[in-house]
Amino acid sequence: MPFAIVEACEEDGSKELCVVPEGWILDTRHKETILLWPKCFGPKMYKLLNDGDSVGNTTWLKLDCVVIKINILQPSIAHALISKIKGEAIESTSRTKKSETNSPILDEDFTDLPIENDTSKTRNGKATPVSATPPTKVTNSTISLLQNVSEADLFAFVKKLEAKVIALEVFIRKVVDKIVRVESIAQILLHRFGIKSVASTPAVTYGSFEQIDNLEAMEALNENLLNGVFQEEIYHWLASNITETQSENRMTEAMDLLFTKKFMTKCSWTGVGRGAEKIPMMRMVNITKLFRRIGTNNGVIVNHRMVMLFFMKKLRNAVRRTEMKHLRRSTTHYFKSNKVKSEH
């Protein structure tokens, strides 16, 4: 998911511009809405703020906010837009200060410079967590060097650092995607050569797992799936209880194992319902990734679009499924296409 610029209203009435993932905003269709803010700080806060897939939790702080701009691909772009909004002339400031003081530290790569926090006016206190514990002892030479560094230079260094972090995050995501693809190909090869993989005994059992019937439990599951150990336990438990081989049927069985049918009537893919808002399944990023793994089987690799179409179809017919008295095995129907030949 992309990022957004919002104007958050705090309890004392003050308003601040923030760059947050769109998943923290309850409804991006309205200009005035609610912003979910996590109850953490430091490196954890920095990681959440720069995670485009981060989704807000209802247990977080709820702040009134005004949506300024959405669909921003990178946080650095959003901070640059905030600078333009506030009308700060960073380039002119840096030129004047560089002409006044020729600091030797400006020619270095800033790698040994201890930074306690970003002092730029374009970054508010919440959106810029302290990255590390400040040193207790600072030498006089370091203090003199810090005094010669302008605020604009510090801001330029932080932007460079952010660009490197974003590049690292992109690389990590590519590695994770390749791992998932390798795992899917391994399953296909095992099936093709008739090799049965040794299934480990799942730590999660049907007796210990309670079907999800409310939003809080769904958000807790989505957050717990970030834990690799828990994700493997849930995956192996579902795989050991699913008997179907077709991708759509496997995802249907997984949905019936994880969620109650009555709760599914309160959900939709986008959160838009007839007459009332529903729970948006598209926000549950980790749950949809789990369904990709479950659906990948028998030579078919399930992607995000296939999961989206699956949930759109099933949630649209969720009310009809609750009226079924007995659990009916779902089947995938194939129809021959009748193409009308054009007469010449």
Protein backbone atom coordinates (compact mmCIF):
# COMPACT_ATOMS: atom_id res chain seq x y z
CA MET A 1 0.00 0.00 0.00
CA PRO A 2 1.24 3.57 -0.67
CA PHE A 3 1.73 6.38 1.84
CA ALA A 4 -0.35 9.45 2.67
CA ILE A 5 0.10 12.94 4.10
CA VAL A 6 -2.38 13.79 6.85
CA GLU A 7 -2.89 16.67 9.25
CA ALA A 8 -3.36 15.03 12.66
CA CYS A 9 -5.17 16.81 15.48
CA GLU A 10 -3.74 16.02 18.92
CA GLU A 11 -5.54 16.12 22.26
CA ASP A 12 -4.29 19.65 23.07
CA GLY A 13 -5.75 20.90 19.78
CA SER A 14 -2.45 21.32 17.95
CA LYS A 15 -2.22 20.10 14.36
CA GLU A 16 0.80 18.50 12.73
CA LEU A 17 1.55 17.15 9.26
CA CYS A 18 2.48 13.45 9.26
CA VAL A 19 3.56 10.88 6.68
CA VAL A 20 1.86 7.55 7.41
CA PRO A 21 1.00 4.34 5.53
CA GLU A 22 -2.51 4.45 4.06
CA GLY A 23 -3.37 1.37 6.13
CA TRP A 24 -3.40 3.60 9.23
CA ILE A 25 -6.26 5.69 7.87
CA LEU A 26 -9.72 4.27 8.48
CA ASP A 27 -11.25 5.59 5.27
CA THR A 28 -9.24 7.36 2.56
CA ARG A 29 -12.40 8.18 0.61
CA HIS A 30 -13.27 10.99 3.05
CA LYS A 31 -11.15 14.06 3.65
CA GLU A 32 -11.91 14.15 7.40
CA THR A 33 -11.43 10.74 9.00
CA ILE A 34 -9.67 8.87 11.82
CA LEU A 35 -5.92 8.16 12.02
CA LEU A 36 -4.73 5.10 13.97
CA TRP A 37 -1.42 5.81 15.74
CA PRO A 38 0.66 2.95 17.30
CA LYS A 39 1.58 2.98 21.00
CA CYS A 40 5.33 2.60 20.46
CA PHE A 41 8.43 4.66 19.75
CA GLY A 42 12.06 4.35 18.69
CA PRO A 43 13.18 1.84 16.04
CA LYS A 44 9.85 0.00 16.12
CA MET A 45 7.96 3.20 15.27
CA TYR A 46 10.46 4.01 12.48
CA LYS A 47 9.99 0.53 11.01
CA LEU A 48 6.18 0.84 11.05
CA LEU A 49 6.22 4.33 9.51
CA ASN A 50 8.34 3.15 6.58
CA ASP A 51 6.41 -0.10 6.01
CA GLY A 52 3.96 0.43 3.15
CA ASP A 53 2.14 -2.79 4.06
CA SER A 54 1.59 -1.74 7.69
CA VAL A 55 -2.09 -1.83 8.71
CA GLY A 56 -3.56 0.06 11.65
CA ASN A 57 -4.97 -1.73 14.68
CA THR A 58 -8.14 -0.67 16.50
CA THR A 59 -6.24 -0.91 19.81
CA TRP A 60 -3.99 1.99 18.71
CA LEU A 61 -4.60 5.65 19.54
CA LYS A 62 -7.39 7.25 17.49
CA LEU A 63 -6.74 10.80 16.27
CA ASP A 64 -8.92 13.07 14.16
CA CYS A 65 -7.15 13.92 10.93
CA VAL A 66 -7.56 15.59 7.55
CA VAL A 67 -6.23 13.72 4.53
CA ILE A 68 -4.01 16.04 2.48
CA LYS A 69 -2.71 13.65 -0.21
CA ILE A 70 -2.78 9.88 -0.82
CA ASN A 71 -1.18 7.37 -3.25
CA ILE A 72 2.41 8.47 -2.53
CA LEU A 73 4.85 5.69 -3.43
CA GLN A 74 7.74 6.52 -1.07
CA PRO A 75 8.05 8.32 2.31
CA SER A 76 10.88 10.52 0.99
CA ILE A 77 8.57 11.89 -1.70
CA ALA A 78 5.94 12.64 0.94
CA HIS A 79 8.42 14.54 3.14
CA ALA A 80 9.49 16.59 0.13
CA LEU A 81 5.84 17.49 -0.49
CA ILE A 82 5.49 18.54 3.16
CA SER A 83 8.48 20.83 2.68
CA LYS A 84 6.73 22.47 -0.27
CA ILE A 85 3.49 22.78 1.71
CA LYS A 86 5.25 24.55 4.57
CA GLY A 87 7.10 26.79 2.10
CA GLU A 88 10.58 26.07 3.35
CA ALA A 89 13.38 27.10 0.99
CA ILE A 90 15.93 24.44 1.88
CA GLU A 91 18.28 25.03 -1.06
CA SER A 92 18.66 28.75 -0.46
CA THR A 93 19.28 28.19 3.25
CA SER A 94 21.98 25.62 2.58
CA ARG A 95 23.77 27.93 0.10
CA THR A 96 23.91 30.88 2.51
CA LYS A 97 25.09 28.76 5.43
CA LYS A 98 27.74 27.00 3.33
CA SER A 99 29.15 30.36 2.26
CA GLU A 100 29.34 31.55 5.89
CA THR A 101 31.09 28.48 7.32
CA ASN A 102 33.37 26.07 5.46
CA SER A 103 33.09 23.05 7.72
CA PRO A 104 35.49 20.12 7.07
CA ILE A 105 32.80 17.65 8.09
CA LEU A 106 30.67 18.52 5.05
CA ASP A 107 33.17 16.80 2.74
CA GLU A 108 32.80 13.52 4.60
CA ASP A 109 30.07 10.90 4.25
CA PHE A 110 28.55 11.69 7.70
CA THR A 111 29.08 8.05 8.65
CA ASP A 112 30.74 8.83 12.00
CA LEU A 113 28.40 11.68 12.94
CA PRO A 114 26.20 10.84 15.98
CA ILE A 115 22.66 12.05 15.32
CA GLU A 116 20.24 12.05 18.24
CA ASN A 117 17.20 13.03 16.23
CA ASP A 118 16.18 14.75 13.01
CA THR A 119 15.94 18.47 13.78
CA SER A 120 14.33 19.42 10.49
CA LYS A 121 11.14 21.45 10.70
CA THR A 122 9.60 19.32 8.02
CA ARG A 123 9.53 16.25 10.29
CA ASN A 124 7.32 16.23 13.36
CA GLY A 125 8.23 14.53 16.63
CA LYS A 126 5.98 11.53 16.10
CA ALA A 127 6.98 10.79 12.54
CA THR A 128 10.71 10.82 13.36
CA PRO A 129 11.51 8.36 16.16
CA VAL A 130 14.88 8.36 17.90
CA SER A 131 16.94 5.80 16.01
CA ALA A 132 19.44 4.99 18.75
CA THR A 133 20.34 5.80 22.36
CA PRO A 134 22.30 9.07 22.42
CA PRO A 135 25.94 8.79 23.61
CA THR A 136 26.58 9.85 27.20
CA LYS A 137 30.04 11.33 26.54
CA VAL A 138 30.73 13.68 23.65
CA THR A 139 34.15 15.18 23.05
CA ASN A 140 34.72 18.89 22.56
CA SER A 141 35.89 18.33 18.99
CA THR A 142 32.63 16.59 18.08
CA ILE A 143 30.62 19.42 19.63
CA SER A 144 32.51 22.00 17.60
CA LEU A 145 31.93 20.03 14.41
CA LEU A 146 28.21 19.73 15.15
CA GLN A 147 27.96 23.48 15.67
CA ASN A 148 29.37 24.07 12.17
CA VAL A 149 26.84 21.75 10.50
CA SER A 150 23.74 23.53 9.28
CA GLU A 151 20.22 22.23 9.71
CA ALA A 152 19.83 21.87 5.94
CA ASP A 153 22.94 19.65 5.79
CA LEU A 154 21.53 17.41 8.49
CA PHE A 155 18.28 17.17 6.58
CA ALA A 156 20.17 16.25 3.40
CA PHE A 157 22.02 13.51 5.29
CA VAL A 158 18.78 12.10 6.71
CA LYS A 159 17.25 12.04 3.22
CA LYS A 160 20.29 10.12 1.93
CA LEU A 161 19.93 7.67 4.80
CA GLU A 162 16.22 7.25 4.08
CA ALA A 163 16.95 6.52 0.42
CA LYS A 164 19.38 3.77 1.43
CA VAL A 165 16.85 2.29 3.87
CA ILE A 166 14.14 2.29 1.19
CA ALA A 167 16.48 0.56 -1.26
CA LEU A 168 17.28 -2.05 1.40
CA GLU A 169 13.56 -2.62 2.08
CA VAL A 170 12.89 -3.11 -1.64
CA PHE A 171 15.73 -5.64 -1.82
CA ILE A 172 14.40 -7.55 1.20
CA ARG A 173 10.90 -7.70 -0.33
CA LYS A 174 12.35 -9.10 -3.56
CA VAL A 175 14.22 -11.77 -1.59
CA VAL A 176 11.06 -12.72 0.31
CA ASP A 177 9.07 -12.95 -2.94
CA LYS A 178 11.75 -15.20 -4.43
CA ILE A 179 11.66 -17.45 -1.36
CA VAL A 180 7.88 -17.80 -1.65
CA ARG A 181 8.23 -18.60 -5.36
CA VAL A 182 10.93 -21.22 -4.69
CA GLU A 183 8.70 -22.80 -2.06
CA SER A 184 5.81 -22.90 -4.54
CA ILE A 185 8.00 -24.47 -7.25
CA ALA A 186 9.23 -27.07 -4.74
CA GLN A 187 5.62 -28.04 -3.99
CA ILE A 188 4.90 -28.37 -7.72
CA LEU A 189 7.94 -30.59 -8.26
CA LEU A 190 7.04 -32.80 -5.31
CA HIS A 191 3.54 -33.23 -6.72
CA ARG A 192 4.80 -33.87 -10.27
CA PHE A 193 7.17 -36.66 -9.22
CA GLY A 194 4.76 -38.16 -6.73
CA ILE A 195 6.93 -37.42 -3.70
CA LYS A 196 5.07 -36.96 -0.47
CA SER A 197 6.69 -34.41 1.78
CA VAL A 198 7.07 -35.31 5.42
CA ALA A 199 4.52 -33.13 7.16
CA SER A 200 5.59 -31.95 10.59
CA THR A 201 3.09 -32.28 13.40
CA PRO A 202 1.39 -28.88 13.66
CA ALA A 203 1.52 -27.15 17.03
CA VAL A 204 -1.92 -25.65 16.34
CA THR A 205 -4.81 -28.08 16.62
CA TYR A 206 -8.47 -27.64 15.83
CA GLY A 207 -9.31 -27.86 19.53
CA SER A 208 -6.91 -25.04 20.44
CA PHE A 209 -7.88 -22.74 17.57
CA GLU A 210 -11.12 -20.78 17.88
CA GLN A 211 -12.80 -19.63 14.70
CA ILE A 212 -12.59 -15.90 14.20
CA ASP A 213 -15.91 -14.10 14.66
CA ASN A 214 -14.94 -10.45 15.29
CA LEU A 215 -12.68 -7.71 13.93
CA GLU A 216 -10.30 -7.72 16.92
CA ALA A 217 -9.54 -11.43 16.51
CA MET A 218 -8.99 -10.97 12.76
CA GLU A 219 -6.56 -8.09 13.32
CA ALA A 220 -4.76 -10.14 15.98
CA LEU A 221 -4.36 -13.03 13.50
CA ASN A 222 -3.10 -10.65 10.80
CA GLU A 223 -0.52 -9.22 13.20
CA ASN A 224 0.53 -12.63 14.59
CA LEU A 225 1.23 -13.86 11.06
CA LEU A 226 4.25 -11.53 11.04
CA ASN A 227 5.81 -14.11 13.38
CA GLY A 228 7.44 -16.73 11.14
CA VAL A 229 6.99 -19.57 13.65
CA PHE A 230 3.28 -18.86 14.13
CA GLN A 231 2.79 -18.50 10.37
CA GLU A 232 4.30 -21.95 9.74
CA GLU A 233 2.15 -23.51 12.48
CA ILE A 234 -1.06 -22.09 10.99
CA TYR A 235 -0.01 -23.05 7.46
CA HIS A 236 0.80 -26.68 8.37
CA TRP A 237 -2.39 -26.96 10.40
CA LEU A 238 -4.51 -25.74 7.48
CA ALA A 239 -2.61 -27.93 5.00
CA SER A 240 -3.18 -31.01 7.17
CA ASN A 241 -6.94 -30.35 7.35
CA ILE A 242 -7.53 -29.41 3.71
CA THR A 243 -8.42 -32.31 1.40
CA GLU A 244 -9.06 -30.45 -1.87
CA THR A 245 -6.48 -30.09 -4.64
CA GLN A 246 -7.95 -27.23 -6.72
CA SER A 247 -6.70 -23.79 -5.66
CA GLU A 248 -10.11 -22.14 -5.20
CA ASN A 249 -11.48 -25.11 -3.27
CA ARG A 250 -8.44 -25.15 -0.99
CA MET A 251 -8.88 -21.45 -0.19
CA THR A 252 -12.59 -22.03 0.47
CA GLU A 253 -11.80 -24.77 2.98
CA ALA A 254 -9.21 -22.51 4.64
CA MET A 255 -11.77 -19.71 4.91
CA ASP A 256 -14.31 -22.05 6.56
CA LEU A 257 -11.66 -23.28 9.01
CA LEU A 258 -10.44 -19.81 10.00
CA PHE A 259 -13.65 -17.73 10.04
CA THR A 260 -17.27 -18.26 10.98
CA LYS A 261 -19.77 -17.89 8.15
CA LYS A 262 -21.72 -15.26 10.07
CA PHE A 263 -18.61 -13.12 10.49
CA MET A 264 -17.89 -13.33 6.76
CA THR A 265 -21.17 -11.48 6.09
CA LYS A 266 -19.64 -8.44 7.81
CA CYS A 267 -16.65 -8.38 5.44
CA SER A 268 -16.03 -7.34 1.86
CA TRP A 269 -12.88 -6.94 -0.18
CA THR A 270 -12.87 -3.11 -0.25
CA GLY A 271 -15.00 -2.43 2.85
CA VAL A 272 -17.90 -1.07 0.81
CA GLY A 273 -21.27 -2.68 1.56
CA ARG A 274 -24.90 -2.17 0.73
CA GLY A 275 -26.20 0.45 3.12
CA ALA A 276 -23.33 0.12 5.62
CA GLU A 277 -19.57 -0.10 5.73
CA LYS A 278 -17.96 -3.52 6.09
CA ILE A 279 -14.60 -4.83 7.22
CA PRO A 280 -12.10 -4.45 4.32
CA MET A 281 -10.36 -7.78 3.75
CA MET A 282 -7.81 -6.09 1.46
CA ARG A 283 -6.30 -4.45 4.55
CA MET A 284 -5.43 -7.86 6.05
CA VAL A 285 -2.22 -8.19 4.04
CA ASN A 286 -0.71 -11.09 5.98
CA ILE A 287 -3.93 -13.13 5.83
CA THR A 288 -4.11 -12.72 2.05
CA LYS A 289 -0.47 -13.86 1.79
CA LEU A 290 -1.42 -16.97 3.80
CA PHE A 291 -4.21 -17.72 1.32
CA ARG A 292 -1.70 -17.40 -1.54
CA ARG A 293 0.38 -20.14 0.05
CA ILE A 294 -2.67 -22.35 0.70
CA GLY A 295 -3.99 -21.92 -2.85
CA THR A 296 -0.65 -22.68 -4.51
CA ASN A 297 -0.91 -26.39 -5.31
CA ASN A 298 -1.05 -28.93 -8.12
CA GLY A 299 1.01 -26.90 -10.58
CA VAL A 300 -0.85 -23.60 -9.99
CA ILE A 301 0.89 -20.61 -8.39
CA VAL A 302 -1.69 -18.28 -6.83
CA ASN A 303 -0.94 -14.55 -7.06
CA HIS A 304 -2.48 -11.52 -5.32
CA ARG A 305 -5.05 -10.93 -8.06
CA MET A 306 -6.37 -14.49 -7.78
CA VAL A 307 -6.80 -14.08 -4.01
CA MET A 308 -8.61 -10.77 -4.58
CA LEU A 309 -11.06 -12.33 -7.06
CA PHE A 310 -11.61 -15.26 -4.70
CA PHE A 311 -12.59 -13.05 -1.76
CA MET A 312 -14.70 -10.74 -3.92
CA LYS A 313 -16.71 -13.75 -5.09
CA LYS A 314 -17.03 -15.51 -1.74
CA LEU A 315 -17.80 -12.43 0.35
CA ARG A 316 -20.42 -11.30 -2.17
CA ASN A 317 -22.24 -14.59 -1.55
CA ALA A 318 -21.50 -14.75 2.18
CA VAL A 319 -25.15 -14.30 3.23
CA ARG A 320 -26.25 -17.12 0.95
CA ARG A 321 -23.58 -19.41 2.42
CA THR A 322 -24.87 -18.85 5.97
CA GLU A 323 -28.28 -20.22 4.92
CA MET A 324 -26.75 -23.60 4.05
CA LYS A 325 -27.49 -26.02 6.89
CA HIS A 326 -24.69 -28.46 6.15
CA LEU A 327 -21.12 -27.88 5.05
CA ARG A 328 -21.03 -28.45 1.33
CA ARG A 329 -17.77 -29.14 -0.44
CA SER A 330 -17.10 -26.39 -2.94
CA THR A 331 -16.38 -27.34 -6.51
CA THR A 332 -14.80 -25.41 -9.34
CA HIS A 333 -16.90 -25.43 -12.50
CA TYR A 334 -15.43 -25.22 -15.97
CA PHE A 335 -17.52 -24.29 -19.01
CA LYS A 336 -16.64 -24.57 -22.65
CA SER A 337 -16.59 -21.20 -24.35
CA ASN A 338 -18.97 -20.90 -27.33
CA LYS A 339 -17.29 -18.53 -29.73
CA VAL A 340 -19.44 -17.28 -32.62
CA LYS A 341 -17.56 -17.52 -35.87
CA SER A 342 -17.87 -14.44 -38.05
CA GLU A 343 -19.32 -15.00 -41.50
CA HIS A 344 -17.23 -13.86 -44.38
